[in-house]
Amino acid sequence: MPQISRFFGIIIAMYFDDHNPPHFHAKYNNEECLISITELRVIEGKIPSRALGMVIEWATTHQQELINDWERAKLLQPLIPIEPLK
């Protein structure tokens, strides 16, 4: 699974040719969740609320870039790294 960003111990990644709806994976420690790109909400799994808050803040800023990477992943093209949360 290609990593597209990493910040504060959180890994953001996408699978190539993954199932709909458009989403990304957020991993923190041994926990993982899938977050809808369009709705910016958890659709499966869980991570600690503090980490989730940072992920949602980051995703809000980079929503269009996430959509672009989703489209690239569907076409099996290399994903573009996205700037981490600072």
N, C-alpha and C. Protein backbone atom coordinates (compact mmCIF):
# COMPACT_ATOMS: atom_id res chain seq x y z
N MET A 1 0.86 -1.18 0.00
CA MET A 1 0.00 0.00 0.00
C MET A 1 0.89 1.23 0.00
N PRO A 2 0.83 2.04 -1.04
CA PRO A 2 1.67 3.24 -1.11
C PRO A 2 1.32 4.28 -0.04
N GLN A 3 2.35 4.72 0.64
CA GLN A 3 2.21 5.78 1.63
C GLN A 3 2.22 7.12 0.91
N ILE A 4 1.24 7.99 1.22
CA ILE A 4 1.22 9.29 0.54
C ILE A 4 1.56 10.44 1.48
N SER A 5 1.49 10.18 2.80
CA SER A 5 1.90 11.20 3.77
C SER A 5 2.15 10.52 5.12
N ARG A 6 2.91 11.24 5.95
CA ARG A 6 3.20 10.73 7.30
C ARG A 6 3.44 11.94 8.20
N PHE A 7 2.77 11.94 9.35
CA PHE A 7 2.95 13.03 10.31
C PHE A 7 2.54 12.56 11.70
N PHE A 8 3.30 12.99 12.70
CA PHE A 8 3.03 12.68 14.11
C PHE A 8 2.74 11.20 14.35
N GLY A 9 3.45 10.34 13.66
CA GLY A 9 3.27 8.90 13.82
C GLY A 9 2.09 8.31 13.07
N ILE A 10 1.40 9.13 12.30
CA ILE A 10 0.24 8.69 11.52
C ILE A 10 0.69 8.45 10.08
N ILE A 11 0.31 7.33 9.53
CA ILE A 11 0.63 7.01 8.14
C ILE A 11 -0.66 7.09 7.31
N ILE A 12 -0.59 7.83 6.21
CA ILE A 12 -1.72 7.96 5.29
C ILE A 12 -1.35 7.20 4.02
N ALA A 13 -2.23 6.31 3.58
CA ALA A 13 -1.92 5.48 2.41
C ALA A 13 -3.18 5.19 1.61
N MET A 14 -2.96 4.71 0.39
CA MET A 14 -4.04 4.26 -0.50
C MET A 14 -3.59 2.98 -1.17
N TYR A 15 -4.56 2.11 -1.44
CA TYR A 15 -4.30 0.91 -2.24
C TYR A 15 -4.57 1.24 -3.70
N PHE A 16 -3.83 0.59 -4.59
CA PHE A 16 -4.12 0.72 -6.00
C PHE A 16 -5.40 -0.05 -6.31
N ASP A 17 -6.24 0.53 -7.18
CA ASP A 17 -7.48 -0.11 -7.64
C ASP A 17 -8.35 -0.60 -6.48
N ASP A 18 -8.49 0.23 -5.45
CA ASP A 18 -9.28 -0.10 -4.26
C ASP A 18 -10.77 0.06 -4.55
N HIS A 19 -11.60 -0.46 -3.66
CA HIS A 19 -13.06 -0.41 -3.80
C HIS A 19 -13.59 0.99 -3.52
N ASN A 20 -14.77 1.29 -4.04
CA ASN A 20 -15.47 2.54 -3.73
C ASN A 20 -16.13 2.41 -2.37
N PRO A 21 -16.45 3.50 -1.71
CA PRO A 21 -16.30 4.89 -2.11
C PRO A 21 -14.84 5.35 -2.01
N PRO A 22 -14.50 6.45 -2.68
CA PRO A 22 -13.14 6.97 -2.60
C PRO A 22 -12.74 7.20 -1.14
N HIS A 23 -11.60 6.65 -0.75
CA HIS A 23 -11.17 6.73 0.64
C HIS A 23 -9.65 6.60 0.74
N PHE A 24 -9.15 6.87 1.93
CA PHE A 24 -7.75 6.62 2.22
C PHE A 24 -7.66 5.90 3.56
N HIS A 25 -6.51 5.32 3.82
CA HIS A 25 -6.27 4.58 5.05
C HIS A 25 -5.41 5.44 5.97
N ALA A 26 -5.80 5.54 7.22
CA ALA A 26 -5.00 6.23 8.23
C ALA A 26 -4.61 5.19 9.28
N LYS A 27 -3.29 5.06 9.52
CA LYS A 27 -2.79 4.09 10.49
C LYS A 27 -2.07 4.82 11.60
N TYR A 28 -2.35 4.40 12.82
CA TYR A 28 -1.67 4.97 13.98
C TYR A 28 -1.44 3.84 14.97
N ASN A 29 -0.18 3.60 15.32
CA ASN A 29 0.19 2.45 16.14
C ASN A 29 -0.34 1.18 15.48
N ASN A 30 -1.13 0.42 16.18
CA ASN A 30 -1.66 -0.83 15.62
C ASN A 30 -3.11 -0.70 15.16
N GLU A 31 -3.59 0.52 15.04
CA GLU A 31 -4.98 0.73 14.64
C GLU A 31 -5.04 1.38 13.26
N GLU A 32 -6.15 1.15 12.58
CA GLU A 32 -6.32 1.67 11.22
C GLU A 32 -7.79 2.01 10.98
N CYS A 33 -8.01 3.05 10.18
CA CYS A 33 -9.37 3.35 9.76
C CYS A 33 -9.35 3.79 8.30
N LEU A 34 -10.50 3.66 7.67
CA LEU A 34 -10.71 4.13 6.31
C LEU A 34 -11.55 5.39 6.40
N ILE A 35 -11.12 6.42 5.69
CA ILE A 35 -11.81 7.71 5.75
C ILE A 35 -12.26 8.11 4.35
N SER A 36 -13.54 8.41 4.24
CA SER A 36 -14.12 8.87 2.98
C SER A 36 -13.48 10.19 2.57
N ILE A 37 -13.04 10.29 1.33
CA ILE A 37 -12.42 11.52 0.86
C ILE A 37 -13.47 12.62 0.67
N THR A 38 -14.63 12.27 0.16
CA THR A 38 -15.64 13.28 -0.13
C THR A 38 -16.36 13.77 1.13
N GLU A 39 -16.59 12.88 2.09
CA GLU A 39 -17.34 13.25 3.30
C GLU A 39 -16.44 13.50 4.50
N LEU A 40 -15.16 13.10 4.40
CA LEU A 40 -14.20 13.24 5.50
C LEU A 40 -14.75 12.68 6.81
N ARG A 41 -15.20 11.44 6.71
CA ARG A 41 -15.69 10.73 7.90
C ARG A 41 -15.18 9.30 7.86
N VAL A 42 -15.10 8.69 9.02
CA VAL A 42 -14.65 7.30 9.12
C VAL A 42 -15.72 6.39 8.54
N ILE A 43 -15.32 5.50 7.65
CA ILE A 43 -16.27 4.54 7.09
C ILE A 43 -16.00 3.12 7.59
N GLU A 44 -14.83 2.92 8.21
CA GLU A 44 -14.51 1.61 8.77
C GLU A 44 -13.31 1.74 9.69
N GLY A 45 -13.29 0.97 10.77
CA GLY A 45 -12.15 0.95 11.68
C GLY A 45 -12.14 2.12 12.64
N LYS A 46 -11.01 2.26 13.36
CA LYS A 46 -10.88 3.38 14.29
C LYS A 46 -9.42 3.62 14.65
N ILE A 47 -9.13 4.86 14.97
CA ILE A 47 -7.86 5.26 15.54
C ILE A 47 -8.20 6.20 16.70
N PRO A 48 -7.26 6.47 17.61
CA PRO A 48 -7.56 7.36 18.73
C PRO A 48 -8.08 8.72 18.26
N SER A 49 -8.98 9.30 19.04
CA SER A 49 -9.66 10.54 18.64
C SER A 49 -8.68 11.68 18.37
N ARG A 50 -7.61 11.79 19.13
CA ARG A 50 -6.64 12.86 18.89
C ARG A 50 -5.99 12.69 17.51
N ALA A 51 -5.60 11.47 17.19
CA ALA A 51 -5.00 11.19 15.87
C ALA A 51 -6.03 11.43 14.77
N LEU A 52 -7.26 10.99 14.98
CA LEU A 52 -8.31 11.20 13.98
C LEU A 52 -8.54 12.68 13.72
N GLY A 53 -8.54 13.48 14.77
CA GLY A 53 -8.70 14.92 14.59
C GLY A 53 -7.62 15.52 13.71
N MET A 54 -6.38 15.08 13.91
CA MET A 54 -5.29 15.57 13.08
C MET A 54 -5.46 15.11 11.63
N VAL A 55 -5.90 13.87 11.44
CA VAL A 55 -6.10 13.35 10.08
C VAL A 55 -7.19 14.14 9.36
N ILE A 56 -8.29 14.42 10.04
CA ILE A 56 -9.39 15.18 9.42
C ILE A 56 -8.94 16.60 9.10
N GLU A 57 -8.18 17.22 10.01
CA GLU A 57 -7.65 18.56 9.75
C GLU A 57 -6.76 18.55 8.50
N TRP A 58 -5.88 17.56 8.42
CA TRP A 58 -4.98 17.42 7.27
C TRP A 58 -5.78 17.18 5.99
N ALA A 59 -6.74 16.26 6.04
CA ALA A 59 -7.52 15.90 4.86
C ALA A 59 -8.36 17.07 4.35
N THR A 60 -8.85 17.89 5.25
CA THR A 60 -9.63 19.06 4.85
C THR A 60 -8.79 19.99 3.98
N THR A 61 -7.55 20.16 4.36
CA THR A 61 -6.63 21.02 3.61
C THR A 61 -6.21 20.40 2.28
N HIS A 62 -6.16 19.08 2.22
CA HIS A 62 -5.61 18.39 1.05
C HIS A 62 -6.65 17.54 0.32
N GLN A 63 -7.91 17.88 0.44
CA GLN A 63 -8.98 17.07 -0.13
C GLN A 63 -8.84 16.89 -1.65
N GLN A 64 -8.54 17.96 -2.38
CA GLN A 64 -8.40 17.84 -3.83
C GLN A 64 -7.21 16.95 -4.21
N GLU A 65 -6.13 17.06 -3.47
CA GLU A 65 -4.96 16.22 -3.74
C GLU A 65 -5.28 14.74 -3.48
N LEU A 66 -6.10 14.49 -2.45
CA LEU A 66 -6.53 13.12 -2.17
C LEU A 66 -7.39 12.58 -3.30
N ILE A 67 -8.30 13.41 -3.81
CA ILE A 67 -9.13 13.00 -4.95
C ILE A 67 -8.24 12.69 -6.15
N ASN A 68 -7.25 13.54 -6.40
CA ASN A 68 -6.34 13.31 -7.52
C ASN A 68 -5.58 11.99 -7.35
N ASP A 69 -5.09 11.72 -6.14
CA ASP A 69 -4.38 10.46 -5.91
C ASP A 69 -5.32 9.26 -6.04
N TRP A 70 -6.56 9.40 -5.61
CA TRP A 70 -7.54 8.32 -5.76
C TRP A 70 -7.69 7.96 -7.24
N GLU A 71 -7.84 9.00 -8.07
CA GLU A 71 -7.98 8.77 -9.50
C GLU A 71 -6.73 8.12 -10.09
N ARG A 72 -5.57 8.54 -9.64
CA ARG A 72 -4.32 7.93 -10.10
C ARG A 72 -4.26 6.46 -9.67
N ALA A 73 -4.67 6.17 -8.45
CA ALA A 73 -4.65 4.79 -7.95
C ALA A 73 -5.59 3.91 -8.76
N LYS A 74 -6.74 4.42 -9.13
CA LYS A 74 -7.68 3.65 -9.94
C LYS A 74 -7.08 3.29 -11.30
N LEU A 75 -6.21 4.15 -11.81
CA LEU A 75 -5.56 3.93 -13.11
C LEU A 75 -4.21 3.22 -12.96
N LEU A 76 -3.90 2.80 -11.72
CA LEU A 76 -2.64 2.12 -11.40
C LEU A 76 -1.42 2.97 -11.72
N GLN A 77 -1.56 4.28 -11.55
CA GLN A 77 -0.46 5.22 -11.77
C GLN A 77 0.19 5.55 -10.44
N PRO A 78 1.45 5.96 -10.46
CA PRO A 78 2.13 6.32 -9.20
C PRO A 78 1.39 7.45 -8.48
N LEU A 79 1.33 7.34 -7.17
CA LEU A 79 0.66 8.36 -6.37
C LEU A 79 1.62 9.50 -6.05
N ILE A 80 1.07 10.69 -5.88
CA ILE A 80 1.86 11.86 -5.57
C ILE A 80 1.86 12.08 -4.06
N PRO A 81 3.03 12.14 -3.42
CA PRO A 81 3.06 12.41 -1.98
C PRO A 81 2.38 13.75 -1.66
N ILE A 82 1.76 13.80 -0.49
CA ILE A 82 1.05 15.00 -0.04
C ILE A 82 1.75 15.52 1.22
N GLU A 83 1.92 16.83 1.27
CA GLU A 83 2.60 17.47 2.39
C GLU A 83 1.96 17.07 3.72
N PRO A 84 2.78 16.77 4.71
CA PRO A 84 2.23 16.38 6.02
C PRO A 84 1.65 17.56 6.79
N LEU A 85 0.91 17.24 7.82
CA LEU A 85 0.39 18.25 8.75
C LEU A 85 1.56 18.79 9.54
N LYS A 86 1.59 20.09 9.73
CA LYS A 86 2.68 20.71 10.50
C LYS A 86 2.16 21.40 11.73
